[in-house]
Amino acid sequence: MTRAYSTLCVYTSDWIYLTTNIYPDLKYFNGKVSFHFPLTETIINSISDFNTGKKIEANKFTITIKSLKSQIFQMKECKGNEW
């Protein structure tokens, strides 16, 4: 079993995706959508950069956040309509 990094934070997930080009697996559980990445040294370094305030291009960050949030809303809508 491979180890994974998971978070509920869309901003952290966005950062990891933009700096590593590894797209998260989204999972829905109990009304929440979580983001999962393989736990590698690249991911750990990316999280460290995020926590220390490294800079990134704002428009790319914003566009990707909108895309991830759209997927969250779609997952919640689909799961919320299941009986």
C-alpha atoms as a PDB file:
ATOM      1  CA  MET A   1       0.000   0.000   0.000  1.00  0.00           C
ATOM      2  CA  THR A   2       1.419   3.370  -0.997  1.00  0.00           C
ATOM      3  CA  ARG A   3       1.394   6.247   1.418  1.00  0.00           C
ATOM      4  CA  ALA A   4      -0.589   9.326   0.508  1.00  0.00           C
ATOM      5  CA  TYR A   5      -0.930  12.937   1.531  1.00  0.00           C
ATOM      6  CA  SER A   6      -4.555  14.001   1.883  1.00  0.00           C
ATOM      7  CA  THR A   7      -6.092  17.368   2.645  1.00  0.00           C
ATOM      8  CA  LEU A   8      -9.419  19.156   2.555  1.00  0.00           C
ATOM      9  CA  CYS A   9      -7.708  22.430   1.586  1.00  0.00           C
ATOM     10  CA  VAL A  10      -8.281  23.459  -2.017  1.00  0.00           C
ATOM     11  CA  TYR A  11      -5.493  26.057  -1.795  1.00  0.00           C
ATOM     12  CA  THR A  12      -2.833  23.554  -0.724  1.00  0.00           C
ATOM     13  CA  SER A  13      -4.016  21.110  -3.388  1.00  0.00           C
ATOM     14  CA  ASP A  14      -3.888  23.841  -6.003  1.00  0.00           C
ATOM     15  CA  TRP A  15      -0.330  24.735  -5.001  1.00  0.00           C
ATOM     16  CA  ILE A  16       0.822  21.118  -5.096  1.00  0.00           C
ATOM     17  CA  TYR A  17      -0.712  20.598  -8.529  1.00  0.00           C
ATOM     18  CA  LEU A  18       0.839  23.765  -9.983  1.00  0.00           C
ATOM     19  CA  THR A  19       4.307  23.106  -8.584  1.00  0.00           C
ATOM     20  CA  THR A  20       4.503  19.347  -9.225  1.00  0.00           C
ATOM     21  CA  ASN A  21       2.089  18.819 -12.126  1.00  0.00           C
ATOM     22  CA  ILE A  22       0.560  15.917 -10.159  1.00  0.00           C
ATOM     23  CA  TYR A  23      -3.236  16.137 -10.222  1.00  0.00           C
ATOM     24  CA  PRO A  24      -4.991  15.059  -7.014  1.00  0.00           C
ATOM     25  CA  ASP A  25      -7.434  12.195  -6.690  1.00  0.00           C
ATOM     26  CA  LEU A  26     -10.681  13.614  -5.343  1.00  0.00           C
ATOM     27  CA  LYS A  27     -12.677  11.474  -2.929  1.00  0.00           C
ATOM     28  CA  TYR A  28     -16.114  12.150  -1.481  1.00  0.00           C
ATOM     29  CA  PHE A  29     -16.896  11.035   2.077  1.00  0.00           C
ATOM     30  CA  ASN A  30     -19.541  12.225   4.556  1.00  0.00           C
ATOM     31  CA  GLY A  31     -20.377  15.336   2.577  1.00  0.00           C
ATOM     32  CA  LYS A  32     -16.764  16.448   2.115  1.00  0.00           C
ATOM     33  CA  VAL A  33     -14.386  16.176  -0.804  1.00  0.00           C
ATOM     34  CA  SER A  34     -10.749  15.476  -0.004  1.00  0.00           C
ATOM     35  CA  PHE A  35      -7.667  15.707  -2.201  1.00  0.00           C
ATOM     36  CA  HIS A  36      -5.136  12.865  -2.260  1.00  0.00           C
ATOM     37  CA  PHE A  37      -1.569  12.887  -3.582  1.00  0.00           C
ATOM     38  CA  PRO A  38       1.079  10.158  -3.481  1.00  0.00           C
ATOM     39  CA  LEU A  39       3.443  10.906  -0.619  1.00  0.00           C
ATOM     40  CA  THR A  40       6.735  11.521  -2.389  1.00  0.00           C
ATOM     41  CA  GLU A  41       9.676  13.798  -1.734  1.00  0.00           C
ATOM     42  CA  THR A  42       8.394  16.107  -4.502  1.00  0.00           C
ATOM     43  CA  ILE A  43       5.054  16.507  -2.726  1.00  0.00           C
ATOM     44  CA  ILE A  44       6.741  17.093   0.637  1.00  0.00           C
ATOM     45  CA  ASN A  45       8.982  19.792  -0.878  1.00  0.00           C
ATOM     46  CA  SER A  46       5.971  21.432  -2.515  1.00  0.00           C
ATOM     47  CA  ILE A  47       4.069  21.526   0.789  1.00  0.00           C
ATOM     48  CA  SER A  48       7.129  23.028   2.465  1.00  0.00           C
ATOM     49  CA  ASP A  49       7.323  25.754  -0.201  1.00  0.00           C
ATOM     50  CA  PHE A  50       3.616  26.497   0.289  1.00  0.00           C
ATOM     51  CA  ASN A  51       4.022  26.795   4.063  1.00  0.00           C
ATOM     52  CA  THR A  52       7.017  29.127   3.776  1.00  0.00           C
ATOM     53  CA  GLY A  53       5.244  31.537   1.422  1.00  0.00           C
ATOM     54  CA  LYS A  54       7.050  30.903  -1.835  1.00  0.00           C
ATOM     55  CA  LYS A  55       5.540  32.943  -4.674  1.00  0.00           C
ATOM     56  CA  ILE A  56       3.537  31.638  -7.619  1.00  0.00           C
ATOM     57  CA  GLU A  57       1.783  33.292 -10.549  1.00  0.00           C
ATOM     58  CA  ALA A  58      -1.564  34.574  -9.246  1.00  0.00           C
ATOM     59  CA  ASN A  59      -3.680  34.061 -12.354  1.00  0.00           C
ATOM     60  CA  LYS A  60      -2.651  30.390 -12.675  1.00  0.00           C
ATOM     61  CA  PHE A  61      -3.396  29.873  -8.980  1.00  0.00           C
ATOM     62  CA  THR A  62      -6.844  31.477  -9.325  1.00  0.00           C
ATOM     63  CA  ILE A  63      -7.825  29.570 -12.465  1.00  0.00           C
ATOM     64  CA  THR A  64      -6.845  26.232 -10.949  1.00  0.00           C
ATOM     65  CA  ILE A  65      -8.728  26.979  -7.720  1.00  0.00           C
ATOM     66  CA  LYS A  66     -11.869  27.671  -9.745  1.00  0.00           C
ATOM     67  CA  SER A  67     -11.432  24.377 -11.576  1.00  0.00           C
ATOM     68  CA  LEU A  68     -10.940  22.371  -8.369  1.00  0.00           C
ATOM     69  CA  LYS A  69     -13.893  24.057  -6.657  1.00  0.00           C
ATOM     70  CA  SER A  70     -16.062  23.305  -9.671  1.00  0.00           C
ATOM     71  CA  GLN A  71     -15.170  19.630  -9.337  1.00  0.00           C
ATOM     72  CA  ILE A  72     -15.972  19.743  -5.615  1.00  0.00           C
ATOM     73  CA  PHE A  73     -19.417  21.194  -6.292  1.00  0.00           C
ATOM     74  CA  GLN A  74     -20.087  18.634  -9.029  1.00  0.00           C
ATOM     75  CA  MET A  75     -19.152  15.739  -6.744  1.00  0.00           C
ATOM     76  CA  LYS A  76     -21.299  17.071  -3.909  1.00  0.00           C
ATOM     77  CA  GLU A  77     -24.232  17.627  -6.237  1.00  0.00           C
ATOM     78  CA  CYS A  78     -24.009  14.117  -7.690  1.00  0.00           C
ATOM     79  CA  LYS A  79     -23.590  12.437  -4.310  1.00  0.00           C
ATOM     80  CA  GLY A  80     -26.248  14.606  -2.683  1.00  0.00           C
ATOM     81  CA  ASN A  81     -28.836  13.505  -5.244  1.00  0.00           C
ATOM     82  CA  GLU A  82     -28.246   9.780  -4.644  1.00  0.00           C
ATOM     83  CA  TRP A  83     -30.737   8.059  -2.377  1.00  0.00           C
END
